[in-house]
PDB file of all heavy atoms in Angstrom:
ATOM      1  N   ARG A   1      54.227  30.880 -28.059  1.00  0.00           N
ATOM      2  CA  ARG A   1      54.276  30.787 -26.617  1.00  0.00           C
ATOM      3  C   ARG A   1      54.406  29.380 -26.143  1.00  0.00           C
ATOM      4  O   ARG A   1      54.308  28.432 -26.919  1.00  0.00           O
ATOM      5  CB  ARG A   1      53.045  31.472 -26.010  1.00  0.00           C
ATOM      6  CG  ARG A   1      52.896  32.916 -26.370  1.00  0.00           C
ATOM      7  CD  ARG A   1      51.760  33.574 -25.550  1.00  0.00           C
ATOM      8  NE  ARG A   1      51.639  35.000 -25.870  1.00  0.00           N
ATOM      9  CZ  ARG A   1      50.810  35.839 -25.275  1.00  0.00           C
ATOM     10  NH1 ARG A   1      50.022  35.393 -24.265  1.00  0.00           N
ATOM     11  NH2 ARG A   1      50.800  37.077 -25.626  1.00  0.00           N
ATOM     12  N   TYR A   2      54.678  29.216 -24.824  1.00  0.00           N
ATOM     13  CA  TYR A   2      54.909  27.905 -24.241  1.00  0.00           C
ATOM     14  C   TYR A   2      53.623  27.408 -23.549  1.00  0.00           C
ATOM     15  O   TYR A   2      52.711  28.205 -23.224  1.00  0.00           O
ATOM     16  CB  TYR A   2      56.039  27.983 -23.178  1.00  0.00           C
ATOM     17  CG  TYR A   2      57.406  28.251 -23.826  1.00  0.00           C
ATOM     18  CD1 TYR A   2      57.875  29.516 -23.957  1.00  0.00           C
ATOM     19  CD2 TYR A   2      58.138  27.151 -24.374  1.00  0.00           C
ATOM     20  CE1 TYR A   2      59.196  29.734 -24.490  1.00  0.00           C
ATOM     21  CE2 TYR A   2      59.377  27.354 -24.932  1.00  0.00           C
ATOM     22  CZ  TYR A   2      59.884  28.661 -24.991  1.00  0.00           C
ATOM     23  OH  TYR A   2      61.118  28.867 -25.558  1.00  0.00           O
ATOM     24  N   PRO A   3      53.536  26.075 -23.291  1.00  0.00           N
ATOM     25  CA  PRO A   3      52.299  25.532 -22.713  1.00  0.00           C
ATOM     26  C   PRO A   3      51.913  26.159 -21.375  1.00  0.00           C
ATOM     27  O   PRO A   3      50.715  26.322 -21.109  1.00  0.00           O
ATOM     28  CB  PRO A   3      52.621  24.037 -22.533  1.00  0.00           C
ATOM     29  CG  PRO A   3      53.622  23.751 -23.573  1.00  0.00           C
ATOM     30  CD  PRO A   3      54.477  25.010 -23.733  1.00  0.00           C
ATOM     31  N   HIS A   4      52.873  26.519 -20.500  1.00  0.00           N
ATOM     32  CA  HIS A   4      52.535  27.094 -19.213  1.00  0.00           C
ATOM     33  C   HIS A   4      51.803  28.441 -19.306  1.00  0.00           C
ATOM     34  O   HIS A   4      51.283  28.936 -18.316  1.00  0.00           O
ATOM     35  CB  HIS A   4      53.791  27.199 -18.333  1.00  0.00           C
ATOM     36  CG  HIS A   4      54.729  28.288 -18.721  1.00  0.00           C
ATOM     37  ND1 HIS A   4      55.767  28.123 -19.600  1.00  0.00           N
ATOM     38  CD2 HIS A   4      54.739  29.583 -18.329  1.00  0.00           C
ATOM     39  CE1 HIS A   4      56.404  29.272 -19.733  1.00  0.00           C
ATOM     40  NE2 HIS A   4      55.791  30.199 -19.025  1.00  0.00           N
ATOM     41  N   GLU A   5      51.839  29.070 -20.449  1.00  0.00           N
ATOM     42  CA  GLU A   5      51.205  30.334 -20.651  1.00  0.00           C
ATOM     43  C   GLU A   5      49.732  30.249 -21.006  1.00  0.00           C
ATOM     44  O   GLU A   5      49.056  31.248 -21.286  1.00  0.00           O
ATOM     45  CB  GLU A   5      51.941  31.174 -21.709  1.00  0.00           C
ATOM     46  CG  GLU A   5      53.395  31.447 -21.356  1.00  0.00           C
ATOM     47  CD  GLU A   5      54.114  32.238 -22.423  1.00  0.00           C
ATOM     48  OE1 GLU A   5      53.817  33.439 -22.495  1.00  0.00           O
ATOM     49  OE2 GLU A   5      54.878  31.632 -23.185  1.00  0.00           O
ATOM     50  N   PHE A   6      49.227  28.959 -21.050  1.00  0.00           N
ATOM     51  CA  PHE A   6      47.842  28.735 -21.418  1.00  0.00           C
ATOM     52  C   PHE A   6      47.088  28.098 -20.228  1.00  0.00           C
ATOM     53  O   PHE A   6      47.712  27.460 -19.349  1.00  0.00           O
ATOM     54  CB  PHE A   6      47.745  27.812 -22.605  1.00  0.00           C
ATOM     55  CG  PHE A   6      48.272  28.417 -23.896  1.00  0.00           C
ATOM     56  CD1 PHE A   6      49.627  28.441 -24.156  1.00  0.00           C
ATOM     57  CD2 PHE A   6      47.404  28.945 -24.816  1.00  0.00           C
ATOM     58  CE1 PHE A   6      50.165  28.981 -25.313  1.00  0.00           C
ATOM     59  CE2 PHE A   6      47.894  29.535 -26.012  1.00  0.00           C
ATOM     60  CZ  PHE A   6      49.253  29.532 -26.260  1.00  0.00           C
ATOM     61  N   SER A   7      45.787  28.253 -20.226  1.00  0.00           N
ATOM     62  CA  SER A   7      44.956  27.626 -19.132  1.00  0.00           C
ATOM     63  C   SER A   7      44.753  26.143 -19.483  1.00  0.00           C
ATOM     64  O   SER A   7      45.164  25.682 -20.564  1.00  0.00           O
ATOM     65  CB  SER A   7      43.558  28.299 -19.118  1.00  0.00           C
ATOM     66  OG  SER A   7      42.858  28.053 -20.324  1.00  0.00           O
ATOM     67  N   GLY A   8      44.186  25.393 -18.533  1.00  0.00           N
ATOM     68  CA  GLY A   8      43.974  23.968 -18.708  1.00  0.00           C
ATOM     69  C   GLY A   8      43.124  23.664 -19.924  1.00  0.00           C
ATOM     70  O   GLY A   8      43.411  22.737 -20.710  1.00  0.00           O
ATOM     71  N   GLY A   9      42.017  24.409 -20.087  1.00  0.00           N
ATOM     72  CA  GLY A   9      41.195  24.178 -21.235  1.00  0.00           C
ATOM     73  C   GLY A   9      41.858  24.489 -22.544  1.00  0.00           C
ATOM     74  O   GLY A   9      41.702  23.772 -23.540  1.00  0.00           O
ATOM     75  N   GLN A  10      42.673  25.542 -22.558  1.00  0.00           N
ATOM     76  CA  GLN A  10      43.411  25.919 -23.768  1.00  0.00           C
ATOM     77  C   GLN A  10      44.472  24.881 -24.063  1.00  0.00           C
ATOM     78  O   GLN A  10      44.659  24.527 -25.265  1.00  0.00           O
ATOM     79  CB  GLN A  10      44.049  27.318 -23.582  1.00  0.00           C
ATOM     80  CG  GLN A  10      43.041  28.463 -23.567  1.00  0.00           C
ATOM     81  CD  GLN A  10      43.681  29.748 -23.190  1.00  0.00           C
ATOM     82  OE1 GLN A  10      44.692  29.781 -22.460  1.00  0.00           O
ATOM     83  NE2 GLN A  10      43.132  30.848 -23.676  1.00  0.00           N
ATOM     84  N   ARG A  11      45.113  24.332 -23.048  1.00  0.00           N
ATOM     85  CA  ARG A  11      46.112  23.325 -23.305  1.00  0.00           C
ATOM     86  C   ARG A  11      45.476  22.034 -23.863  1.00  0.00           C
ATOM     87  O   ARG A  11      46.094  21.376 -24.680  1.00  0.00           O
ATOM     88  CB  ARG A  11      46.872  22.969 -22.012  1.00  0.00           C
ATOM     89  CG  ARG A  11      47.844  24.059 -21.563  1.00  0.00           C
ATOM     90  CD  ARG A  11      48.796  23.539 -20.500  1.00  0.00           C
ATOM     91  NE  ARG A  11      48.153  23.311 -19.228  1.00  0.00           N
ATOM     92  CZ  ARG A  11      48.176  24.160 -18.210  1.00  0.00           C
ATOM     93  NH1 ARG A  11      48.737  25.379 -18.378  1.00  0.00           N
ATOM     94  NH2 ARG A  11      47.587  23.889 -17.088  1.00  0.00           N
ATOM     95  N   GLN A  12      44.230  21.720 -23.416  1.00  0.00           N
ATOM     96  CA  GLN A  12      43.593  20.547 -23.959  1.00  0.00           C
ATOM     97  C   GLN A  12      43.213  20.806 -25.422  1.00  0.00           C
ATOM     98  O   GLN A  12      43.255  19.849 -26.275  1.00  0.00           O
ATOM     99  CB  GLN A  12      42.360  20.158 -23.133  1.00  0.00           C
ATOM    100  CG  GLN A  12      41.821  18.812 -23.413  1.00  0.00           C
ATOM    101  CD  GLN A  12      42.816  17.688 -23.109  1.00  0.00           C
ATOM    102  OE1 GLN A  12      43.791  17.549 -23.823  1.00  0.00           O
ATOM    103  NE2 GLN A  12      42.536  16.952 -22.091  1.00  0.00           N
ATOM    104  N   ARG A  13      42.851  22.030 -25.786  1.00  0.00           N
ATOM    105  CA  ARG A  13      42.605  22.378 -27.175  1.00  0.00           C
ATOM    106  C   ARG A  13      43.859  22.206 -28.016  1.00  0.00           C
ATOM    107  O   ARG A  13      43.810  21.810 -29.180  1.00  0.00           O
ATOM    108  CB  ARG A  13      42.071  23.791 -27.290  1.00  0.00           C
ATOM    109  CG  ARG A  13      40.653  23.995 -26.746  1.00  0.00           C
ATOM    110  CD  ARG A  13      40.202  25.426 -26.719  1.00  0.00           C
ATOM    111  NE  ARG A  13      38.905  25.590 -26.112  1.00  0.00           N
ATOM    112  CZ  ARG A  13      37.752  25.642 -26.743  1.00  0.00           C
ATOM    113  NH1 ARG A  13      37.761  25.609 -28.086  1.00  0.00           N
ATOM    114  NH2 ARG A  13      36.622  25.824 -26.150  1.00  0.00           N
ATOM    115  N   ILE A  14      45.006  22.551 -27.423  1.00  0.00           N
ATOM    116  CA  ILE A  14      46.304  22.334 -28.097  1.00  0.00           C
ATOM    117  C   ILE A  14      46.504  20.836 -28.389  1.00  0.00           C
ATOM    118  O   ILE A  14      46.897  20.431 -29.475  1.00  0.00           O
ATOM    119  CB  ILE A  14      47.452  22.901 -27.290  1.00  0.00           C
ATOM    120  CG1 ILE A  14      47.309  24.431 -27.203  1.00  0.00           C
ATOM    121  CG2 ILE A  14      48.779  22.500 -27.894  1.00  0.00           C
ATOM    122  CD1 ILE A  14      48.232  25.069 -26.166  1.00  0.00           C
ATOM    123  N   GLY A  15      46.204  19.993 -27.406  1.00  0.00           N
ATOM    124  CA  GLY A  15      46.293  18.575 -27.532  1.00  0.00           C
ATOM    125  C   GLY A  15      45.409  18.060 -28.631  1.00  0.00           C
ATOM    126  O   GLY A  15      45.746  17.140 -29.366  1.00  0.00           O
ATOM    127  N   ILE A  16      44.137  18.620 -28.696  1.00  0.00           N
ATOM    128  CA  ILE A  16      43.175  18.218 -29.742  1.00  0.00           C
ATOM    129  C   ILE A  16      43.715  18.633 -31.085  1.00  0.00           C
ATOM    130  O   ILE A  16      43.645  17.849 -32.045  1.00  0.00           O
ATOM    131  CB  ILE A  16      41.849  18.841 -29.465  1.00  0.00           C
ATOM    132  CG1 ILE A  16      41.254  18.248 -28.117  1.00  0.00           C
ATOM    133  CG2 ILE A  16      40.894  18.619 -30.611  1.00  0.00           C
ATOM    134  CD1 ILE A  16      39.962  18.944 -27.666  1.00  0.00           C
ATOM    135  N   ALA A  17      44.299  19.836 -31.230  1.00  0.00           N
ATOM    136  CA  ALA A  17      44.818  20.307 -32.517  1.00  0.00           C
ATOM    137  C   ALA A  17      45.938  19.375 -32.957  1.00  0.00           C
ATOM    138  O   ALA A  17      46.041  19.052 -34.143  1.00  0.00           O
ATOM    139  CB  ALA A  17      45.291  21.745 -32.345  1.00  0.00           C
ATOM    140  N   ARG A  18      46.822  18.948 -32.020  1.00  0.00           N
ATOM    141  CA  ARG A  18      47.867  18.053 -32.402  1.00  0.00           C
ATOM    142  C   ARG A  18      47.294  16.676 -32.865  1.00  0.00           C
ATOM    143  O   ARG A  18      47.828  16.139 -33.806  1.00  0.00           O
ATOM    144  CB  ARG A  18      48.792  17.824 -31.213  1.00  0.00           C
ATOM    145  CG  ARG A  18      49.890  16.811 -31.452  1.00  0.00           C
ATOM    146  CD  ARG A  18      50.841  16.712 -30.249  1.00  0.00           C
ATOM    147  NE  ARG A  18      50.140  16.318 -29.049  1.00  0.00           N
ATOM    148  CZ  ARG A  18      50.677  16.171 -27.840  1.00  0.00           C
ATOM    149  NH1 ARG A  18      51.949  16.485 -27.688  1.00  0.00           N
ATOM    150  NH2 ARG A  18      49.973  15.746 -26.829  1.00  0.00           N
ATOM    151  N   ALA A  19      46.227  16.227 -32.239  1.00  0.00           N
ATOM    152  CA  ALA A  19      45.674  14.924 -32.568  1.00  0.00           C
ATOM    153  C   ALA A  19      45.017  14.928 -33.988  1.00  0.00           C
ATOM    154  O   ALA A  19      45.028  13.872 -34.632  1.00  0.00           O
ATOM    155  CB  ALA A  19      44.627  14.535 -31.528  1.00  0.00           C
ATOM    156  N   ILE A  20      44.484  16.062 -34.381  1.00  0.00           N
ATOM    157  CA  ILE A  20      43.817  16.096 -35.686  1.00  0.00           C
ATOM    158  C   ILE A  20      44.683  16.631 -36.801  1.00  0.00           C
ATOM    159  O   ILE A  20      44.234  16.801 -37.919  1.00  0.00           O
ATOM    160  CB  ILE A  20      42.514  16.939 -35.615  1.00  0.00           C
ATOM    161  CG1 ILE A  20      42.809  18.424 -35.300  1.00  0.00           C
ATOM    162  CG2 ILE A  20      41.560  16.393 -34.587  1.00  0.00           C
ATOM    163  CD1 ILE A  20      41.599  19.335 -35.374  1.00  0.00           C
ATOM    164  N   ALA A  21      45.949  16.883 -36.497  1.00  0.00           N
ATOM    165  CA  ALA A  21      46.877  17.549 -37.440  1.00  0.00           C
ATOM    166  C   ALA A  21      47.001  16.719 -38.756  1.00  0.00           C
ATOM    167  O   ALA A  21      47.137  17.314 -39.860  1.00  0.00           O
ATOM    168  CB  ALA A  21      48.242  17.775 -36.811  1.00  0.00           C
ATOM    169  N   LEU A  22      46.984  15.404 -38.647  1.00  0.00           N
ATOM    170  CA  LEU A  22      47.187  14.534 -39.798  1.00  0.00           C
ATOM    171  C   LEU A  22      45.850  14.024 -40.416  1.00  0.00           C
ATOM    172  O   LEU A  22      45.885  13.123 -41.240  1.00  0.00           O
ATOM    173  CB  LEU A  22      48.069  13.329 -39.367  1.00  0.00           C
ATOM    174  CG  LEU A  22      49.467  13.708 -38.912  1.00  0.00           C
ATOM    175  CD1 LEU A  22      50.169  12.459 -38.346  1.00  0.00           C
ATOM    176  CD2 LEU A  22      50.262  14.262 -40.017  1.00  0.00           C
ATOM    177  N   ASN A  23      44.729  14.643 -40.032  1.00  0.00           N
ATOM    178  CA  ASN A  23      43.423  14.224 -40.470  1.00  0.00           C
ATOM    179  C   ASN A  23      43.172  12.759 -40.231  1.00  0.00           C
ATOM    180  O   ASN A  23      42.920  11.953 -41.163  1.00  0.00           O
ATOM    181  CB  ASN A  23      43.279  14.510 -41.987  1.00  0.00           C
ATOM    182  CG  ASN A  23      43.297  16.008 -42.299  1.00  0.00           C
ATOM    183  OD1 ASN A  23      42.651  16.817 -41.648  1.00  0.00           O
ATOM    184  ND2 ASN A  23      44.083  16.375 -43.300  1.00  0.00           N
ATOM    185  N   PRO A  24      43.235  12.304 -38.964  1.00  0.00           N
ATOM    186  CA  PRO A  24      43.072  10.890 -38.676  1.00  0.00           C
ATOM    187  C   PRO A  24      41.586  10.519 -38.818  1.00  0.00           C
ATOM    188  O   PRO A  24      40.650  11.388 -38.880  1.00  0.00           O
ATOM    189  CB  PRO A  24      43.479  10.800 -37.184  1.00  0.00           C
ATOM    190  CG  PRO A  24      43.152  12.185 -36.621  1.00  0.00           C
ATOM    191  CD  PRO A  24      43.412  13.107 -37.753  1.00  0.00           C
ATOM    192  N   ARG A  25      41.342   9.201 -38.857  1.00  0.00           N
ATOM    193  CA  ARG A  25      39.968   8.719 -38.923  1.00  0.00           C
ATOM    194  C   ARG A  25      39.459   8.286 -37.566  1.00  0.00           C
ATOM    195  O   ARG A  25      38.261   8.275 -37.319  1.00  0.00           O
ATOM    196  CB  ARG A  25      39.947   7.518 -39.896  1.00  0.00           C
ATOM    197  CG  ARG A  25      40.347   7.867 -41.327  1.00  0.00           C
ATOM    198  CD  ARG A  25      40.377   6.648 -42.200  1.00  0.00           C
ATOM    199  NE  ARG A  25      39.080   6.008 -42.357  1.00  0.00           N
ATOM    200  CZ  ARG A  25      38.885   4.825 -42.918  1.00  0.00           C
ATOM    201  NH1 ARG A  25      39.930   4.185 -43.427  1.00  0.00           N
ATOM    202  NH2 ARG A  25      37.724   4.270 -42.982  1.00  0.00           N
ATOM    203  N   PHE A  26      40.351   7.904 -36.621  1.00  0.00           N
ATOM    204  CA  PHE A  26      39.998   7.389 -35.333  1.00  0.00           C
ATOM    205  C   PHE A  26      40.826   8.057 -34.310  1.00  0.00           C
ATOM    206  O   PHE A  26      42.068   8.198 -34.405  1.00  0.00           O
ATOM    207  CB  PHE A  26      40.230   5.871 -35.340  1.00  0.00           C
ATOM    208  CG  PHE A  26      39.992   5.234 -33.987  1.00  0.00           C
ATOM    209  CD1 PHE A  26      38.783   5.207 -33.379  1.00  0.00           C
ATOM    210  CD2 PHE A  26      41.110   4.608 -33.333  1.00  0.00           C
ATOM    211  CE1 PHE A  26      38.632   4.626 -32.079  1.00  0.00           C
ATOM    212  CE2 PHE A  26      40.901   4.016 -32.070  1.00  0.00           C
ATOM    213  CZ  PHE A  26      39.654   4.056 -31.514  1.00  0.00           C
ATOM    214  N   ILE A  27      40.173   8.458 -33.185  1.00  0.00           N
ATOM    215  CA  ILE A  27      40.826   9.111 -32.059  1.00  0.00           C
ATOM    216  C   ILE A  27      40.403   8.461 -30.755  1.00  0.00           C
ATOM    217  O   ILE A  27      39.169   8.345 -30.518  1.00  0.00           O
ATOM    218  CB  ILE A  27      40.586  10.667 -32.029  1.00  0.00           C
ATOM    219  CG1 ILE A  27      41.195  11.305 -33.219  1.00  0.00           C
ATOM    220  CG2 ILE A  27      41.135  11.266 -30.733  1.00  0.00           C
ATOM    221  CD1 ILE A  27      40.957  12.806 -33.262  1.00  0.00           C
ATOM    222  N   VAL A  28      41.319   8.125 -29.881  1.00  0.00           N
ATOM    223  CA  VAL A  28      41.059   7.695 -28.531  1.00  0.00           C
ATOM    224  C   VAL A  28      41.117   8.950 -27.629  1.00  0.00           C
ATOM    225  O   VAL A  28      42.220   9.524 -27.510  1.00  0.00           O
ATOM    226  CB  VAL A  28      42.062   6.635 -28.017  1.00  0.00           C
ATOM    227  CG1 VAL A  28      41.815   6.329 -26.576  1.00  0.00           C
ATOM    228  CG2 VAL A  28      41.913   5.361 -28.834  1.00  0.00           C
ATOM    229  N   ALA A  29      40.002   9.317 -27.000  1.00  0.00           N
ATOM    230  CA  ALA A  29      39.985  10.430 -26.079  1.00  0.00           C
ATOM    231  C   ALA A  29      40.012   9.861 -24.676  1.00  0.00           C
ATOM    232  O   ALA A  29      38.998   9.372 -24.170  1.00  0.00           O
ATOM    233  CB  ALA A  29      38.762  11.282 -26.278  1.00  0.00           C
ATOM    234  N   ASP A  30      41.248   9.810 -24.091  1.00  0.00           N
ATOM    235  CA  ASP A  30      41.416   9.115 -22.800  1.00  0.00           C
ATOM    236  C   ASP A  30      41.233  10.086 -21.687  1.00  0.00           C
ATOM    237  O   ASP A  30      42.142  10.850 -21.322  1.00  0.00           O
ATOM    238  CB  ASP A  30      42.842   8.539 -22.793  1.00  0.00           C
ATOM    239  CG  ASP A  30      43.144   7.676 -21.507  1.00  0.00           C
ATOM    240  OD1 ASP A  30      42.138   7.398 -20.782  1.00  0.00           O
ATOM    241  OD2 ASP A  30      44.252   7.330 -21.257  1.00  0.00           O
ATOM    242  N   GLU A  31      40.053  10.087 -21.095  1.00  0.00           N
ATOM    243  CA  GLU A  31      39.719  11.019 -19.965  1.00  0.00           C
ATOM    244  C   GLU A  31      40.008  12.439 -20.424  1.00  0.00           C
ATOM    245  O   GLU A  31      40.605  13.249 -19.609  1.00  0.00           O
ATOM    246  CB  GLU A  31      40.489  10.614 -18.730  1.00  0.00           C
ATOM    247  CG  GLU A  31      40.269   9.196 -18.232  1.00  0.00           C
ATOM    248  CD  GLU A  31      39.038   9.075 -17.381  1.00  0.00           C
ATOM    249  OE1 GLU A  31      38.321  10.047 -17.235  1.00  0.00           O
ATOM    250  OE2 GLU A  31      38.839   7.970 -16.870  1.00  0.00           O
ATOM    251  N   ALA A  32      39.574  12.842 -21.603  1.00  0.00           N
ATOM    252  CA  ALA A  32      40.054  14.082 -22.185  1.00  0.00           C
ATOM    253  C   ALA A  32      39.468  15.333 -21.485  1.00  0.00           C
ATOM    254  O   ALA A  32      40.022  16.453 -21.663  1.00  0.00           O
ATOM    255  CB  ALA A  32      39.661  14.141 -23.675  1.00  0.00           C
ATOM    256  N   VAL A  33      38.446  15.172 -20.660  1.00  0.00           N
ATOM    257  CA  VAL A  33      37.872  16.358 -19.960  1.00  0.00           C
ATOM    258  C   VAL A  33      37.863  16.190 -18.431  1.00  0.00           C
ATOM    259  O   VAL A  33      37.430  17.095 -17.759  1.00  0.00           O
ATOM    260  CB  VAL A  33      36.416  16.600 -20.457  1.00  0.00           C
ATOM    261  CG1 VAL A  33      36.399  16.935 -21.977  1.00  0.00           C
ATOM    262  CG2 VAL A  33      35.517  15.443 -20.157  1.00  0.00           C
ATOM    263  N   SER A  34      38.361  15.090 -17.940  1.00  0.00           N
ATOM    264  CA  SER A  34      38.256  14.820 -16.478  1.00  0.00           C
ATOM    265  C   SER A  34      39.053  15.788 -15.634  1.00  0.00           C
ATOM    266  O   SER A  34      38.741  16.029 -14.490  1.00  0.00           O
ATOM    267  CB  SER A  34      38.653  13.377 -16.164  1.00  0.00           C
ATOM    268  OG  SER A  34      40.008  13.124 -16.487  1.00  0.00           O
TER     269      SER A  34
END
């Protein structure tokens, strides 16, 4: 499905999934819940 088919909280979870996809060690969460 496409991003517009998800709620705001679900879209942020998608962004989190993308951020951890490569198993990073450090993440900048820039106003991630505001």
